[in-house]
Protein backbone atom coordinates (compact mmCIF):
# COMPACT_ATOMS: atom_id res chain seq x y z
CA MET A 1 -36.43 -16.30 -9.53
CA PRO A 2 -37.43 -14.75 -12.91
CA GLY A 3 -35.78 -11.50 -13.87
CA ARG A 4 -32.79 -12.12 -11.62
CA LEU A 5 -29.83 -10.06 -12.90
CA ILE A 6 -27.08 -12.02 -11.20
CA PRO A 7 -27.28 -15.79 -11.58
CA ARG A 8 -26.74 -17.92 -8.51
CA LEU A 9 -23.49 -19.84 -8.46
CA PRO A 10 -23.60 -23.46 -7.44
CA LYS A 11 -22.99 -23.95 -3.72
CA ARG A 12 -19.77 -25.93 -3.99
CA PRO A 13 -17.19 -25.08 -1.37
CA VAL A 14 -13.61 -24.69 -2.49
CA SER A 15 -11.55 -27.62 -1.29
CA ARG A 16 -8.68 -26.97 1.08
CA ALA A 17 -6.22 -28.37 -1.49
CA ARG A 18 -7.55 -26.10 -4.25
CA ALA A 19 -7.40 -23.04 -1.98
CA ALA A 20 -3.83 -23.90 -0.97
CA GLU A 21 -2.88 -24.23 -4.63
CA ALA A 22 -4.34 -20.79 -5.40
CA MET A 23 -2.50 -19.30 -2.40
CA ARG A 24 0.80 -20.83 -3.53
CA TYR A 25 0.21 -19.43 -7.04
CA THR A 26 -0.42 -15.97 -5.56
CA VAL A 27 2.81 -16.17 -3.53
CA VAL A 28 4.81 -17.26 -6.60
CA SER A 29 3.28 -14.44 -8.64
CA GLY A 30 4.27 -11.93 -5.97
CA MET A 31 7.83 -13.27 -5.86
CA SER A 32 7.94 -13.07 -9.64
CA ALA A 33 6.90 -9.41 -9.60
CA VAL A 34 9.54 -8.55 -6.99
CA VAL A 35 12.33 -10.25 -8.96
CA THR A 36 11.13 -8.79 -12.28
CA LEU A 37 11.23 -5.27 -10.86
CA GLY A 38 14.09 -5.61 -8.36
CA LEU A 39 16.74 -7.60 -10.20
CA PRO A 40 17.26 -4.99 -12.97
CA VAL A 41 17.68 -2.29 -10.33
CA LEU A 42 20.27 -4.35 -8.47
CA LEU A 43 22.13 -5.27 -11.65
CA HIS A 44 22.13 -1.72 -13.01
CA GLU A 45 22.59 0.36 -9.87
CA PHE A 46 25.10 -1.89 -8.09
CA GLY A 47 26.60 -3.89 -10.95
CA GLY A 48 26.75 -1.28 -13.68
CA VAL A 49 24.86 -3.51 -16.12
CA ASP A 50 23.13 -1.68 -18.97
CA PRO A 51 19.37 -1.43 -18.15
CA ARG A 52 18.41 -3.14 -21.42
CA ILE A 53 20.60 -6.11 -20.54
CA ALA A 54 19.51 -6.08 -16.87
CA VAL A 55 15.82 -6.28 -17.79
CA GLY A 56 16.52 -9.10 -20.25
CA ILE A 57 18.39 -11.03 -17.57
CA ALA A 58 15.49 -10.48 -15.15
CA PHE A 59 12.96 -11.78 -17.69
CA ALA A 60 15.07 -14.90 -18.28
CA VAL A 61 15.59 -15.53 -14.56
CA VAL A 62 11.88 -15.04 -13.83
CA PHE A 63 10.86 -17.35 -16.67
CA VAL A 64 12.99 -20.19 -15.24
CA MET A 65 11.93 -19.34 -11.68
CA ASN A 66 8.23 -19.35 -12.66
CA PHE A 67 8.52 -22.68 -14.45
CA LEU A 68 10.26 -24.40 -11.56
CA THR A 69 8.09 -22.91 -8.81
CA THR A 70 4.79 -23.54 -10.56
CA ARG A 71 5.84 -27.06 -11.52
CA TYR A 72 7.21 -28.18 -8.15
CA PHE A 73 5.66 -25.85 -5.57
CA VAL A 74 2.28 -24.69 -6.87
CA PHE A 75 0.96 -27.69 -8.82
CA ARG A 76 3.42 -30.39 -7.67
CA SER A 77 3.44 -31.85 -11.16
CA THR A 78 4.55 -35.37 -11.94
CA ASP A 79 4.48 -34.85 -15.72
CA SER A 80 7.63 -35.24 -17.78
CA PHE A 81 9.99 -32.31 -17.14
CA TRP A 82 10.62 -31.52 -20.81
CA SER A 83 7.00 -31.98 -21.83
CA SER A 84 5.96 -29.56 -19.08
CA PHE A 85 8.73 -27.15 -20.09
CA ARG A 86 7.62 -27.10 -23.74
CA LYS A 87 3.99 -26.50 -22.76
CA PHE A 88 5.03 -23.80 -20.28
CA LEU A 89 7.19 -22.05 -22.90
CA LEU A 90 4.40 -22.13 -25.48
CA SER A 91 1.76 -20.91 -23.00
CA SER A 92 4.09 -18.13 -21.79
CA LEU A 93 4.69 -16.88 -25.32
CA MET A 94 0.97 -17.03 -26.12
CA PHE A 95 0.04 -15.18 -22.92
CA ARG A 96 2.62 -12.43 -23.53
CA GLY A 97 1.25 -11.88 -27.03
CA ALA A 98 -2.39 -11.99 -25.90
CA GLU A 99 -1.67 -9.63 -23.00
CA TYR A 100 -0.06 -7.10 -25.30
CA LEU A 101 -2.86 -7.32 -27.87
CA GLY A 102 -5.44 -7.02 -25.07
CA PHE A 103 -3.64 -3.96 -23.73
CA LEU A 104 -3.52 -2.37 -27.20
CA GLY A 105 -7.23 -3.06 -27.72
CA LEU A 106 -8.31 -1.56 -24.40
CA PHE A 107 -5.99 1.41 -24.88
CA ALA A 108 -7.45 1.97 -28.37
CA LEU A 109 -10.91 2.08 -26.78
CA GLY A 110 -9.78 5.11 -24.81
CA LEU A 111 -8.90 3.56 -21.45
CA PRO A 112 -5.90 5.10 -19.68
CA TYR A 113 -2.83 2.91 -20.15
CA TYR A 114 -2.62 2.04 -16.45
CA VAL A 115 -6.28 0.95 -16.34
CA ALA A 116 -5.87 -1.11 -19.51
CA GLN A 117 -2.75 -2.74 -18.12
CA ALA A 118 -4.39 -3.46 -14.74
CA ILE A 119 -7.36 -5.14 -16.45
CA VAL A 120 -5.11 -7.24 -18.67
CA VAL A 121 -2.82 -8.28 -15.80
CA GLY A 122 -5.76 -9.18 -13.55
CA LEU A 123 -7.50 -11.23 -16.21
CA SER A 124 -4.24 -12.86 -17.25
CA PHE A 125 -3.49 -13.85 -13.64
CA ILE A 126 -6.72 -15.87 -13.47
CA LEU A 127 -6.48 -17.35 -16.97
CA LYS A 128 -2.82 -18.30 -16.48
CA PHE A 129 -3.64 -20.12 -13.27
CA LEU A 130 -6.35 -22.15 -15.02
CA THR A 131 -4.15 -22.83 -18.07
CA LEU A 132 -1.19 -23.95 -16.00
CA LYS A 133 -3.38 -26.08 -13.74
CA HIS A 134 -5.42 -27.83 -16.41
CA LEU A 135 -3.18 -27.86 -19.51
CA VAL A 136 0.48 -27.45 -18.59
CA PHE A 137 0.88 -29.27 -15.26
CA LYS A 138 -1.89 -31.87 -15.53
CA GLY A 139 -0.07 -34.70 -13.80
CA ARG A 140 -0.12 -33.85 -10.12
CA VAL A 141 0.33 -35.56 -6.80
CA ALA A 142 -3.07 -36.44 -5.35
CA PRO A 143 -4.24 -33.65 -2.97
CA ASP A 144 -4.78 -36.19 -0.18
CA SER A 145 -1.11 -37.15 -0.26
CA ILE A 146 0.08 -33.56 0.18
CA ALA A 147 1.08 -32.72 3.73
């Protein structure tokens, strides 16, 4: 219909396998957030570890955890381990840099820091899923063979 403001999306239902993959990614992202925020508290409050060290440990643990869970649980990749690891490392570094630059840009436009951060994190969540799915963990078990 002419003059339509919102274009119609193609009527293509999301496959059960694709929806399950997205749900697993959401679960892994939630676990990642809990460990990123909780591990430093545990290390500092109960272990006496300096907060700067505790946060660094948490980032390292979460990086490894995210690689392993997205490789084996979310995307069930069959690609070479080290090839996947290199691509994951590179994409992680690029995303961290892009997220920070995006935050700085939105903040410079006058958005409150928490709004700028929420926008960047939300957009990054979607873009990371697509990047990991289509570029990092391309070799996957066929969806029909997944129980």
